Every structure is written in structure tokens, then in C-alpha cells.
PDB file of all heavy atoms in Angstrom:
ATOM      1  N   TYR A   1     157.577  30.147 -65.751  1.00  0.00           N
ATOM      2  CA  TYR A   1     156.783  31.355 -65.785  1.00  0.00           C
ATOM      3  C   TYR A   1     155.444  31.126 -65.062  1.00  0.00           C
ATOM      4  O   TYR A   1     154.876  30.010 -65.114  1.00  0.00           O
ATOM      5  CB  TYR A   1     156.475  31.783 -67.239  1.00  0.00           C
ATOM      6  CG  TYR A   1     155.440  32.841 -67.302  1.00  0.00           C
ATOM      7  CD1 TYR A   1     155.727  34.204 -66.986  1.00  0.00           C
ATOM      8  CD2 TYR A   1     154.102  32.529 -67.749  1.00  0.00           C
ATOM      9  CE1 TYR A   1     154.730  35.195 -67.028  1.00  0.00           C
ATOM     10  CE2 TYR A   1     153.139  33.552 -67.814  1.00  0.00           C
ATOM     11  CZ  TYR A   1     153.459  34.858 -67.477  1.00  0.00           C
ATOM     12  OH  TYR A   1     152.533  35.869 -67.530  1.00  0.00           O
ATOM     13  N   HIS A   2     154.923  32.183 -64.406  1.00  0.00           N
ATOM     14  CA  HIS A   2     153.627  32.087 -63.766  1.00  0.00           C
ATOM     15  C   HIS A   2     152.987  33.441 -63.773  1.00  0.00           C
ATOM     16  O   HIS A   2     153.658  34.484 -63.516  1.00  0.00           O
ATOM     17  CB  HIS A   2     153.725  31.651 -62.292  1.00  0.00           C
ATOM     18  CG  HIS A   2     152.421  31.613 -61.527  1.00  0.00           C
ATOM     19  ND1 HIS A   2     151.501  30.673 -61.734  1.00  0.00           N
ATOM     20  CD2 HIS A   2     151.887  32.578 -60.689  1.00  0.00           C
ATOM     21  CE1 HIS A   2     150.408  30.919 -61.008  1.00  0.00           C
ATOM     22  NE2 HIS A   2     150.632  32.076 -60.279  1.00  0.00           N
ATOM     23  N   ARG A   3     151.744  33.501 -64.291  1.00  0.00           N
ATOM     24  CA  ARG A   3     151.050  34.840 -64.266  1.00  0.00           C
ATOM     25  C   ARG A   3     150.398  34.975 -62.926  1.00  0.00           C
ATOM     26  O   ARG A   3     149.526  34.222 -62.498  1.00  0.00           O
ATOM     27  CB  ARG A   3     149.947  34.874 -65.376  1.00  0.00           C
ATOM     28  CG  ARG A   3     149.432  36.337 -65.537  1.00  0.00           C
ATOM     29  CD  ARG A   3     148.256  36.437 -66.451  1.00  0.00           C
ATOM     30  NE  ARG A   3     147.917  37.820 -66.730  1.00  0.00           N
ATOM     31  CZ  ARG A   3     147.305  38.661 -65.830  1.00  0.00           C
ATOM     32  NH1 ARG A   3     146.993  38.213 -64.624  1.00  0.00           N
ATOM     33  NH2 ARG A   3     147.111  39.918 -66.172  1.00  0.00           N
ATOM     34  N   LEU A   4     150.781  35.991 -62.220  1.00  0.00           N
ATOM     35  CA  LEU A   4     150.333  36.225 -60.784  1.00  0.00           C
ATOM     36  C   LEU A   4     148.825  36.638 -60.821  1.00  0.00           C
ATOM     37  O   LEU A   4     148.333  37.398 -61.728  1.00  0.00           O
ATOM     38  CB  LEU A   4     151.140  37.299 -60.187  1.00  0.00           C
ATOM     39  CG  LEU A   4     152.620  37.032 -59.906  1.00  0.00           C
ATOM     40  CD1 LEU A   4     153.387  38.230 -59.614  1.00  0.00           C
ATOM     41  CD2 LEU A   4     152.801  35.855 -58.895  1.00  0.00           C
ATOM     42  N   THR A   5     148.123  36.133 -59.812  1.00  0.00           N
ATOM     43  CA  THR A   5     146.770  36.488 -59.565  1.00  0.00           C
ATOM     44  C   THR A   5     146.626  37.019 -58.085  1.00  0.00           C
ATOM     45  O   THR A   5     147.565  36.843 -57.336  1.00  0.00           O
ATOM     46  CB  THR A   5     145.813  35.240 -59.763  1.00  0.00           C
ATOM     47  OG1 THR A   5     145.935  34.405 -58.608  1.00  0.00           O
ATOM     48  CG2 THR A   5     146.180  34.507 -61.018  1.00  0.00           C
ATOM     49  N   PRO A   6     145.478  37.600 -57.721  1.00  0.00           N
ATOM     50  CA  PRO A   6     145.335  37.987 -56.323  1.00  0.00           C
ATOM     51  C   PRO A   6     145.460  36.927 -55.291  1.00  0.00           C
ATOM     52  O   PRO A   6     145.656  37.169 -54.129  1.00  0.00           O
ATOM     53  CB  PRO A   6     143.903  38.623 -56.366  1.00  0.00           C
ATOM     54  CG  PRO A   6     143.627  38.981 -57.709  1.00  0.00           C
ATOM     55  CD  PRO A   6     144.374  37.983 -58.584  1.00  0.00           C
ATOM     56  N   ARG A   7     145.279  35.675 -55.716  1.00  0.00           N
ATOM     57  CA  ARG A   7     145.495  34.547 -54.848  1.00  0.00           C
ATOM     58  C   ARG A   7     146.922  34.215 -54.531  1.00  0.00           C
ATOM     59  O   ARG A   7     147.245  33.494 -53.550  1.00  0.00           O
ATOM     60  CB  ARG A   7     144.811  33.233 -55.447  1.00  0.00           C
ATOM     61  CG  ARG A   7     143.325  33.352 -55.469  1.00  0.00           C
ATOM     62  CD  ARG A   7     142.712  33.108 -54.186  1.00  0.00           C
ATOM     63  NE  ARG A   7     141.293  33.305 -54.173  1.00  0.00           N
ATOM     64  CZ  ARG A   7     140.598  33.398 -53.081  1.00  0.00           C
ATOM     65  NH1 ARG A   7     141.153  33.257 -51.892  1.00  0.00           N
ATOM     66  NH2 ARG A   7     139.263  33.638 -53.077  1.00  0.00           N
ATOM     67  N   ASP A   8     147.860  34.693 -55.315  1.00  0.00           N
ATOM     68  CA  ASP A   8     149.289  34.572 -55.064  1.00  0.00           C
ATOM     69  C   ASP A   8     149.817  35.581 -54.087  1.00  0.00           C
ATOM     70  O   ASP A   8     149.934  36.692 -54.451  1.00  0.00           O
ATOM     71  CB  ASP A   8     150.094  34.631 -56.403  1.00  0.00           C
ATOM     72  CG  ASP A   8     149.547  33.586 -57.432  1.00  0.00           C
ATOM     73  OD1 ASP A   8     149.293  32.450 -57.057  1.00  0.00           O
ATOM     74  OD2 ASP A   8     149.365  33.943 -58.616  1.00  0.00           O
ATOM     75  N   LYS A   9     150.059  35.163 -52.882  1.00  0.00           N
ATOM     76  CA  LYS A   9     150.302  36.116 -51.805  1.00  0.00           C
ATOM     77  C   LYS A   9     151.773  36.414 -51.620  1.00  0.00           C
ATOM     78  O   LYS A   9     152.143  37.560 -51.227  1.00  0.00           O
ATOM     79  CB  LYS A   9     149.723  35.615 -50.505  1.00  0.00           C
ATOM     80  CG  LYS A   9     148.186  35.390 -50.571  1.00  0.00           C
ATOM     81  CD  LYS A   9     147.467  36.703 -50.888  1.00  0.00           C
ATOM     82  CE  LYS A   9     145.932  36.464 -50.919  1.00  0.00           C
ATOM     83  NZ  LYS A   9     145.257  37.710 -51.297  1.00  0.00           N
ATOM     84  N   PHE A  10     152.626  35.426 -51.757  1.00  0.00           N
ATOM     85  CA  PHE A  10     154.074  35.711 -51.575  1.00  0.00           C
ATOM     86  C   PHE A  10     154.867  34.636 -52.235  1.00  0.00           C
ATOM     87  O   PHE A  10     154.447  33.501 -52.656  1.00  0.00           O
ATOM     88  CB  PHE A  10     154.375  35.643 -49.994  1.00  0.00           C
ATOM     89  CG  PHE A  10     153.860  34.525 -49.288  1.00  0.00           C
ATOM     90  CD1 PHE A  10     154.562  33.266 -49.300  1.00  0.00           C
ATOM     91  CD2 PHE A  10     152.698  34.631 -48.588  1.00  0.00           C
ATOM     92  CE1 PHE A  10     154.051  32.225 -48.615  1.00  0.00           C
ATOM     93  CE2 PHE A  10     152.135  33.512 -47.902  1.00  0.00           C
ATOM     94  CZ  PHE A  10     152.899  32.289 -47.954  1.00  0.00           C
ATOM     95  N   LEU A  11     156.207  34.951 -52.401  1.00  0.00           N
ATOM     96  CA  LEU A  11     157.192  34.059 -53.021  1.00  0.00           C
ATOM     97  C   LEU A  11     158.306  33.908 -51.946  1.00  0.00           C
ATOM     98  O   LEU A  11     158.839  34.845 -51.498  1.00  0.00           O
ATOM     99  CB  LEU A  11     157.700  34.562 -54.328  1.00  0.00           C
ATOM    100  CG  LEU A  11     158.774  33.766 -55.062  1.00  0.00           C
ATOM    101  CD1 LEU A  11     158.137  32.521 -55.634  1.00  0.00           C
ATOM    102  CD2 LEU A  11     159.501  34.558 -56.129  1.00  0.00           C
ATOM    103  N   ILE A  12     158.613  32.619 -51.667  1.00  0.00           N
ATOM    104  CA  ILE A  12     159.713  32.329 -50.725  1.00  0.00           C
ATOM    105  C   ILE A  12     160.940  31.821 -51.629  1.00  0.00           C
ATOM    106  O   ILE A  12     160.768  30.816 -52.373  1.00  0.00           O
ATOM    107  CB  ILE A  12     159.404  31.252 -49.749  1.00  0.00           C
ATOM    108  CG1 ILE A  12     158.153  31.661 -48.934  1.00  0.00           C
ATOM    109  CG2 ILE A  12     160.534  30.993 -48.787  1.00  0.00           C
ATOM    110  CD1 ILE A  12     157.551  30.523 -48.090  1.00  0.00           C
ATOM    111  N   ILE A  13     162.098  32.443 -51.554  1.00  0.00           N
ATOM    112  CA  ILE A  13     163.319  32.009 -52.227  1.00  0.00           C
ATOM    113  C   ILE A  13     164.304  31.633 -51.139  1.00  0.00           C
ATOM    114  O   ILE A  13     164.641  32.397 -50.228  1.00  0.00           O
ATOM    115  CB  ILE A  13     163.973  33.076 -53.137  1.00  0.00           C
ATOM    116  CG1 ILE A  13     162.845  33.723 -54.006  1.00  0.00           C
ATOM    117  CG2 ILE A  13     165.001  32.482 -53.997  1.00  0.00           C
ATOM    118  CD1 ILE A  13     163.364  34.989 -54.749  1.00  0.00           C
ATOM    119  N   GLY A  14     164.798  30.356 -51.165  1.00  0.00           N
ATOM    120  CA  GLY A  14     165.654  29.939 -50.104  1.00  0.00           C
ATOM    121  C   GLY A  14     166.798  29.058 -50.580  1.00  0.00           C
ATOM    122  O   GLY A  14     166.588  28.340 -51.593  1.00  0.00           O
ATOM    123  N   SER A  15     167.911  29.110 -49.915  1.00  0.00           N
ATOM    124  CA  SER A  15     169.020  28.140 -50.238  1.00  0.00           C
ATOM    125  C   SER A  15     168.617  26.797 -49.569  1.00  0.00           C
ATOM    126  O   SER A  15     167.690  26.713 -48.764  1.00  0.00           O
ATOM    127  CB  SER A  15     170.338  28.675 -49.619  1.00  0.00           C
ATOM    128  OG  SER A  15     170.237  28.881 -48.266  1.00  0.00           O
ATOM    129  N   ASP A  16     169.336  25.699 -49.958  1.00  0.00           N
ATOM    130  CA  ASP A  16     168.906  24.407 -49.556  1.00  0.00           C
ATOM    131  C   ASP A  16     169.061  24.168 -48.114  1.00  0.00           C
ATOM    132  O   ASP A  16     168.465  23.292 -47.489  1.00  0.00           O
ATOM    133  CB  ASP A  16     169.638  23.272 -50.355  1.00  0.00           C
ATOM    134  CG  ASP A  16     171.097  23.197 -49.980  1.00  0.00           C
ATOM    135  OD1 ASP A  16     171.666  24.207 -49.488  1.00  0.00           O
ATOM    136  OD2 ASP A  16     171.704  22.073 -50.214  1.00  0.00           O
ATOM    137  N   GLY A  17     169.801  25.070 -47.389  1.00  0.00           N
ATOM    138  CA  GLY A  17     169.848  24.956 -45.943  1.00  0.00           C
ATOM    139  C   GLY A  17     168.494  25.114 -45.230  1.00  0.00           C
ATOM    140  O   GLY A  17     168.208  24.540 -44.236  1.00  0.00           O
ATOM    141  N   LEU A  18     167.635  25.913 -45.884  1.00  0.00           N
ATOM    142  CA  LEU A  18     166.282  26.036 -45.384  1.00  0.00           C
ATOM    143  C   LEU A  18     165.435  24.798 -45.678  1.00  0.00           C
ATOM    144  O   LEU A  18     164.723  24.248 -44.812  1.00  0.00           O
ATOM    145  CB  LEU A  18     165.552  27.246 -46.029  1.00  0.00           C
ATOM    146  CG  LEU A  18     164.088  27.417 -45.606  1.00  0.00           C
ATOM    147  CD1 LEU A  18     163.856  27.835 -44.186  1.00  0.00           C
ATOM    148  CD2 LEU A  18     163.430  28.454 -46.533  1.00  0.00           C
ATOM    149  N   TRP A  19     165.521  24.381 -46.984  1.00  0.00           N
ATOM    150  CA  TRP A  19     164.668  23.240 -47.398  1.00  0.00           C
ATOM    151  C   TRP A  19     165.151  21.890 -46.865  1.00  0.00           C
ATOM    152  O   TRP A  19     164.398  20.889 -46.908  1.00  0.00           O
ATOM    153  CB  TRP A  19     164.638  23.227 -48.950  1.00  0.00           C
ATOM    154  CG  TRP A  19     164.278  24.574 -49.504  1.00  0.00           C
ATOM    155  CD1 TRP A  19     165.056  25.375 -50.226  1.00  0.00           C
ATOM    156  CD2 TRP A  19     163.038  25.250 -49.348  1.00  0.00           C
ATOM    157  NE1 TRP A  19     164.424  26.557 -50.535  1.00  0.00           N
ATOM    158  CE2 TRP A  19     163.141  26.550 -49.964  1.00  0.00           C
ATOM    159  CE3 TRP A  19     161.814  24.962 -48.683  1.00  0.00           C
ATOM    160  CZ2 TRP A  19     162.129  27.430 -49.993  1.00  0.00           C
ATOM    161  CZ3 TRP A  19     160.795  25.846 -48.686  1.00  0.00           C
ATOM    162  CH2 TRP A  19     160.981  27.107 -49.378  1.00  0.00           C
ATOM    163  N   ASP A  20     166.407  21.822 -46.347  1.00  0.00           N
ATOM    164  CA  ASP A  20     166.842  20.611 -45.581  1.00  0.00           C
ATOM    165  C   ASP A  20     166.011  20.438 -44.378  1.00  0.00           C
ATOM    166  O   ASP A  20     165.890  19.307 -43.810  1.00  0.00           O
ATOM    167  CB  ASP A  20     168.299  20.714 -45.259  1.00  0.00           C
ATOM    168  CG  ASP A  20     169.220  20.531 -46.445  1.00  0.00           C
ATOM    169  OD1 ASP A  20     168.699  19.986 -47.481  1.00  0.00           O
ATOM    170  OD2 ASP A  20     170.415  20.901 -46.403  1.00  0.00           O
ATOM    171  N   LEU A  21     165.460  21.545 -43.820  1.00  0.00           N
ATOM    172  CA  LEU A  21     164.795  21.483 -42.481  1.00  0.00           C
ATOM    173  C   LEU A  21     163.265  21.538 -42.511  1.00  0.00           C
ATOM    174  O   LEU A  21     162.585  20.972 -41.597  1.00  0.00           O
ATOM    175  CB  LEU A  21     165.302  22.679 -41.629  1.00  0.00           C
ATOM    176  CG  LEU A  21     166.762  22.736 -41.391  1.00  0.00           C
ATOM    177  CD1 LEU A  21     167.186  24.079 -40.699  1.00  0.00           C
ATOM    178  CD2 LEU A  21     167.233  21.540 -40.499  1.00  0.00           C
ATOM    179  N   ILE A  22     162.714  22.104 -43.574  1.00  0.00           N
ATOM    180  CA  ILE A  22     161.260  22.191 -43.678  1.00  0.00           C
ATOM    181  C   ILE A  22     160.812  21.978 -45.116  1.00  0.00           C
ATOM    182  O   ILE A  22     161.612  22.272 -46.004  1.00  0.00           O
ATOM    183  CB  ILE A  22     160.669  23.517 -43.096  1.00  0.00           C
ATOM    184  CG1 ILE A  22     161.289  24.779 -43.775  1.00  0.00           C
ATOM    185  CG2 ILE A  22     160.773  23.670 -41.634  1.00  0.00           C
ATOM    186  CD1 ILE A  22     160.640  26.034 -43.429  1.00  0.00           C
ATOM    187  N   SER A  23     159.669  21.556 -45.346  1.00  0.00           N
ATOM    188  CA  SER A  23     159.095  21.310 -46.672  1.00  0.00           C
ATOM    189  C   SER A  23     158.586  22.534 -47.242  1.00  0.00           C
ATOM    190  O   SER A  23     158.262  23.533 -46.510  1.00  0.00           O
ATOM    191  CB  SER A  23     158.027  20.314 -46.657  1.00  0.00           C
ATOM    192  OG  SER A  23     156.838  20.799 -46.055  1.00  0.00           O
ATOM    193  N   PRO A  24     158.381  22.694 -48.573  1.00  0.00           N
ATOM    194  CA  PRO A  24     157.813  23.945 -49.183  1.00  0.00           C
ATOM    195  C   PRO A  24     156.408  24.285 -48.577  1.00  0.00           C
ATOM    196  O   PRO A  24     156.121  25.373 -48.296  1.00  0.00           O
ATOM    197  CB  PRO A  24     157.723  23.541 -50.644  1.00  0.00           C
ATOM    198  CG  PRO A  24     158.858  22.611 -50.869  1.00  0.00           C
ATOM    199  CD  PRO A  24     158.965  21.830 -49.607  1.00  0.00           C
ATOM    200  N   LEU A  25     155.517  23.211 -48.381  1.00  0.00           N
ATOM    201  CA  LEU A  25     154.231  23.482 -47.852  1.00  0.00           C
ATOM    202  C   LEU A  25     154.304  24.010 -46.373  1.00  0.00           C
ATOM    203  O   LEU A  25     153.556  24.915 -46.028  1.00  0.00           O
ATOM    204  CB  LEU A  25     153.376  22.188 -47.947  1.00  0.00           C
ATOM    205  CG  LEU A  25     151.881  22.403 -47.450  1.00  0.00           C
ATOM    206  CD1 LEU A  25     151.239  23.509 -48.286  1.00  0.00           C
ATOM    207  CD2 LEU A  25     151.118  21.059 -47.597  1.00  0.00           C
ATOM    208  N   GLN A  26     155.250  23.372 -45.601  1.00  0.00           N
ATOM    209  CA  GLN A  26     155.390  23.904 -44.233  1.00  0.00           C
ATOM    210  C   GLN A  26     155.764  25.377 -44.256  1.00  0.00           C
ATOM    211  O   GLN A  26     155.300  26.154 -43.484  1.00  0.00           O
ATOM    212  CB  GLN A  26     156.476  23.089 -43.559  1.00  0.00           C
ATOM    213  CG  GLN A  26     156.022  21.714 -43.058  1.00  0.00           C
ATOM    214  CD  GLN A  26     157.157  20.968 -42.355  1.00  0.00           C
ATOM    215  OE1 GLN A  26     158.219  20.769 -42.983  1.00  0.00           O
ATOM    216  NE2 GLN A  26     156.986  20.536 -41.159  1.00  0.00           N
ATOM    217  N   ALA A  27     156.754  25.723 -45.112  1.00  0.00           N
ATOM    218  CA  ALA A  27     157.190  27.060 -45.225  1.00  0.00           C
ATOM    219  C   ALA A  27     156.055  28.010 -45.636  1.00  0.00           C
ATOM    220  O   ALA A  27     155.917  29.160 -44.972  1.00  0.00           O
ATOM    221  CB  ALA A  27     158.318  27.217 -46.220  1.00  0.00           C
ATOM    222  N   VAL A  28     155.272  27.617 -46.575  1.00  0.00           N
ATOM    223  CA  VAL A  28     154.130  28.486 -46.993  1.00  0.00           C
ATOM    224  C   VAL A  28     153.143  28.642 -45.857  1.00  0.00           C
ATOM    225  O   VAL A  28     152.654  29.748 -45.611  1.00  0.00           O
ATOM    226  CB  VAL A  28     153.461  27.830 -48.254  1.00  0.00           C
ATOM    227  CG1 VAL A  28     152.124  28.435 -48.499  1.00  0.00           C
ATOM    228  CG2 VAL A  28     154.418  27.998 -49.475  1.00  0.00           C
ATOM    229  N   ARG A  29     152.829  27.598 -45.168  1.00  0.00           N
ATOM    230  CA  ARG A  29     151.853  27.717 -44.076  1.00  0.00           C
ATOM    231  C   ARG A  29     152.444  28.615 -42.989  1.00  0.00           C
ATOM    232  O   ARG A  29     151.644  29.424 -42.359  1.00  0.00           O
ATOM    233  CB  ARG A  29     151.532  26.317 -43.510  1.00  0.00           C
ATOM    234  CG  ARG A  29     150.627  25.527 -44.410  1.00  0.00           C
ATOM    235  CD  ARG A  29     150.417  24.093 -43.926  1.00  0.00           C
ATOM    236  NE  ARG A  29     149.460  23.397 -44.696  1.00  0.00           N
ATOM    237  CZ  ARG A  29     149.226  22.075 -44.729  1.00  0.00           C
ATOM    238  NH1 ARG A  29     149.967  21.343 -43.909  1.00  0.00           N
ATOM    239  NH2 ARG A  29     148.312  21.544 -45.455  1.00  0.00           N
ATOM    240  N   LEU A  30     153.726  28.501 -42.670  1.00  0.00           N
ATOM    241  CA  LEU A  30     154.337  29.361 -41.641  1.00  0.00           C
ATOM    242  C   LEU A  30     154.249  30.810 -42.029  1.00  0.00           C
ATOM    243  O   LEU A  30     153.939  31.672 -41.180  1.00  0.00           O
ATOM    244  CB  LEU A  30     155.823  28.920 -41.467  1.00  0.00           C
ATOM    245  CG  LEU A  30     156.040  27.677 -40.611  1.00  0.00           C
ATOM    246  CD1 LEU A  30     157.464  27.183 -40.688  1.00  0.00           C
ATOM    247  CD2 LEU A  30     155.652  27.930 -39.148  1.00  0.00           C
ATOM    248  N   VAL A  31     154.606  31.121 -43.296  1.00  0.00           N
ATOM    249  CA  VAL A  31     154.497  32.484 -43.751  1.00  0.00           C
ATOM    250  C   VAL A  31     153.045  32.991 -43.801  1.00  0.00           C
ATOM    251  O   VAL A  31     152.719  34.177 -43.424  1.00  0.00           O
ATOM    252  CB  VAL A  31     155.192  32.697 -45.125  1.00  0.00           C
ATOM    253  CG1 VAL A  31     154.988  34.132 -45.585  1.00  0.00           C
ATOM    254  CG2 VAL A  31     156.643  32.370 -45.004  1.00  0.00           C
ATOM    255  N   GLY A  32     152.138  32.075 -44.173  1.00  0.00           N
ATOM    256  CA  GLY A  32     150.695  32.455 -44.192  1.00  0.00           C
ATOM    257  C   GLY A  32     150.212  32.790 -42.741  1.00  0.00           C
ATOM    258  O   GLY A  32     149.468  33.767 -42.572  1.00  0.00           O
ATOM    259  N   GLU A  33     150.589  31.940 -41.775  1.00  0.00           N
ATOM    260  CA  GLU A  33     150.208  32.269 -40.371  1.00  0.00           C
ATOM    261  C   GLU A  33     150.869  33.559 -39.904  1.00  0.00           C
ATOM    262  O   GLU A  33     150.268  34.286 -39.159  1.00  0.00           O
ATOM    263  CB  GLU A  33     150.611  31.036 -39.492  1.00  0.00           C
ATOM    264  CG  GLU A  33     149.839  29.812 -39.671  1.00  0.00           C
ATOM    265  CD  GLU A  33     150.451  28.624 -38.865  1.00  0.00           C
ATOM    266  OE1 GLU A  33     151.434  28.855 -38.199  1.00  0.00           O
ATOM    267  OE2 GLU A  33     149.916  27.518 -39.051  1.00  0.00           O
ATOM    268  N   HIS A  34     152.105  33.823 -40.366  1.00  0.00           N
ATOM    269  CA  HIS A  34     152.804  34.995 -39.968  1.00  0.00           C
ATOM    270  C   HIS A  34     152.110  36.183 -40.505  1.00  0.00           C
ATOM    271  O   HIS A  34     151.940  37.225 -39.815  1.00  0.00           O
ATOM    272  CB  HIS A  34     154.273  34.886 -40.439  1.00  0.00           C
ATOM    273  CG  HIS A  34     155.040  36.084 -40.017  1.00  0.00           C
ATOM    274  ND1 HIS A  34     155.262  37.190 -40.815  1.00  0.00           N
ATOM    275  CD2 HIS A  34     155.741  36.361 -38.934  1.00  0.00           C
ATOM    276  CE1 HIS A  34     156.038  38.102 -40.168  1.00  0.00           C
ATOM    277  NE2 HIS A  34     156.332  37.545 -39.072  1.00  0.00           N
ATOM    278  N   MET A  35     151.522  36.115 -41.706  1.00  0.00           N
ATOM    279  CA  MET A  35     150.768  37.198 -42.331  1.00  0.00           C
ATOM    280  C   MET A  35     149.618  37.492 -41.481  1.00  0.00           C
ATOM    281  O   MET A  35     149.279  38.708 -41.178  1.00  0.00           O
ATOM    282  CB  MET A  35     150.324  36.882 -43.720  1.00  0.00           C
ATOM    283  CG  MET A  35     151.333  37.007 -44.826  1.00  0.00           C
ATOM    284  SD  MET A  35     150.650  36.509 -46.442  1.00  0.00           S
ATOM    285  CE  MET A  35     149.376  37.722 -46.651  1.00  0.00           C
ATOM    286  N   SER A  36     148.835  36.526 -41.047  1.00  0.00           N
ATOM    287  CA  SER A  36     147.699  36.711 -40.156  1.00  0.00           C
ATOM    288  C   SER A  36     148.064  37.352 -38.876  1.00  0.00           C
ATOM    289  O   SER A  36     147.386  38.284 -38.361  1.00  0.00           O
ATOM    290  CB  SER A  36     146.932  35.399 -39.953  1.00  0.00           C
ATOM    291  OG  SER A  36     146.580  34.792 -41.155  1.00  0.00           O
TER     292      SER A  36
END
């Protein structure tokens, strides 16, 4: 459980095929850059 705050911008849900190729932090940074 997590109580969302305005700092929580997005949630990434992925099968292990994604996580075999990139780390969670890489994925978050990529989506963050994509948002900008």
C-alpha cells in the first residue's frame, strides 16, 4: 500500500520482459523525460 501524494507522478506496471532490459530507475527516468 502507498498513499499517493502530488510527488507521485506515474506508475509503471511491466512483465519481466521489460525489466530484463532496463532497471526500475532507468524506466522511471525515461518516462519522466518523456513527460517533459
